[in-house]
Protein backbone atom coordinates (compact mmCIF):
# COMPACT_ATOMS: atom_id res chain seq x y z
CA MET A 1 22.44 7.64 6.46
CA GLU A 2 21.35 4.23 8.01
CA THR A 3 18.27 3.77 10.13
CA VAL A 4 18.45 0.75 12.28
CA GLU A 5 15.40 -0.94 13.73
CA LEU A 6 15.10 -1.41 17.76
CA GLU A 7 14.93 -4.60 19.48
CA PRO A 8 11.35 -5.12 20.42
CA LEU A 9 10.90 -5.04 24.19
CA VAL A 10 7.59 -5.27 26.49
CA LEU A 11 6.41 -1.58 27.61
CA ALA A 12 6.55 -0.45 31.08
CA ASN A 13 2.99 -0.27 31.92
CA ARG A 14 2.87 -4.08 30.02
CA LEU A 15 -0.06 -3.06 27.54
CA GLY A 16 2.14 -4.00 24.86
CA VAL A 17 5.50 -4.76 22.95
CA ALA A 18 7.03 -1.45 21.28
CA PHE A 19 9.00 -2.18 17.85
CA SER A 20 10.06 -0.20 15.07
CA LEU A 21 10.04 -0.75 11.46
CA VAL A 22 11.77 1.59 9.13
CA ARG A 23 9.72 3.45 6.00
CA GLN A 24 11.23 5.77 3.60
CA ASN A 25 14.36 5.46 6.04
CA ARG A 26 12.55 7.08 8.63
CA PRO A 27 11.91 4.93 11.86
CA ILE A 28 8.09 4.50 12.72
CA GLU A 29 7.34 3.59 16.51
CA CYS A 30 5.24 0.67 16.99
CA VAL A 31 3.42 -1.22 19.57
CA ILE A 32 1.23 -4.13 19.65
CA THR A 33 -0.95 -4.47 22.29
CA ILE A 34 -0.74 -7.62 25.15
CA THR A 35 -4.55 -8.07 24.06
CA ALA A 36 -3.61 -8.58 20.43
CA LEU A 37 -0.72 -11.13 21.10
CA GLU A 38 -3.32 -13.32 23.32
CA ALA A 39 -5.99 -13.13 20.97
CA TYR A 40 -4.41 -13.74 17.81
CA PHE A 41 -0.72 -15.17 18.65
CA TRP A 42 -1.63 -17.62 21.34
CA LEU A 43 -0.27 -15.64 24.09
CA GLU A 44 -1.20 -17.11 27.33
CA LEU A 45 -3.11 -14.51 29.85
CA ARG A 46 -0.49 -13.25 32.75
CA ALA A 47 2.59 -14.41 30.80
CA GLY A 48 5.83 -12.77 31.72
CA ASP A 49 8.31 -10.42 29.49
CA GLU A 50 10.37 -13.59 28.36
CA ARG A 51 7.23 -15.49 26.89
CA ILE A 52 5.85 -12.14 25.61
CA LEU A 53 9.02 -11.40 23.52
CA LYS A 54 8.87 -15.18 22.58
CA THR A 55 5.00 -14.81 21.00
CA PHE A 56 6.40 -11.86 19.67
CA ARG A 57 9.26 -13.32 17.80
CA ASN A 58 7.16 -15.93 16.75
CA GLY A 59 4.69 -13.87 14.95
CA ASN A 60 7.03 -11.27 14.14
CA SER A 61 6.71 -11.43 10.20
CA ARG A 62 2.85 -11.39 10.44
CA ILE A 63 3.04 -8.66 13.17
CA ARG A 64 5.00 -6.75 10.68
CA ALA A 65 3.27 -7.43 7.60
CA ILE A 66 -0.25 -6.13 9.60
CA ALA A 67 2.00 -3.07 11.04
CA GLU A 68 3.08 -2.32 6.71
CA ARG A 69 -0.84 -2.79 6.15
CA LYS A 70 -1.94 -0.43 8.29
CA LEU A 71 0.83 1.89 7.36
CA LEU A 72 -0.10 1.69 3.92
CA ALA A 73 -3.91 2.48 5.00
CA HIS A 74 -3.01 5.15 7.58
CA PRO A 75 0.73 6.71 7.35
CA ALA A 76 1.25 7.85 11.11
CA ALA A 77 4.48 8.32 13.15
CA ARG A 78 3.47 5.88 15.47
CA LEU A 79 1.09 2.71 15.18
CA VAL A 80 -0.69 0.79 17.86
CA LEU A 81 -1.96 -2.72 16.55
CA THR A 82 -4.84 -3.85 18.28
CA PRO A 83 -6.74 -7.25 18.19
CA ALA A 84 -9.13 -5.02 15.75
CA ASP A 85 -6.15 -5.09 13.21
CA SER A 86 -4.94 -8.78 13.50
CA SER A 87 -8.89 -9.90 12.79
CA ARG A 88 -8.62 -8.62 9.24
CA SER A 89 -5.58 -10.28 8.19
């Protein structure tokens, strides 16, 4: 069985961007908060959805690396990345 990662999307409450990682053939739901994108990925305040997703894509490799490290340290079915997670990278 093949597991496909979902396209990133801005949450309805506009507090973060949802994306997924696949680990051991299981999808892991992940969210990076808008505050983390603003603090560490140069997202301007009150940005629109298009700009939020562009910022996420520009930082995609780094964001996924941070998520992978957090999952290794704290395995979970759902992961939320905050500014504190980015400050350690």
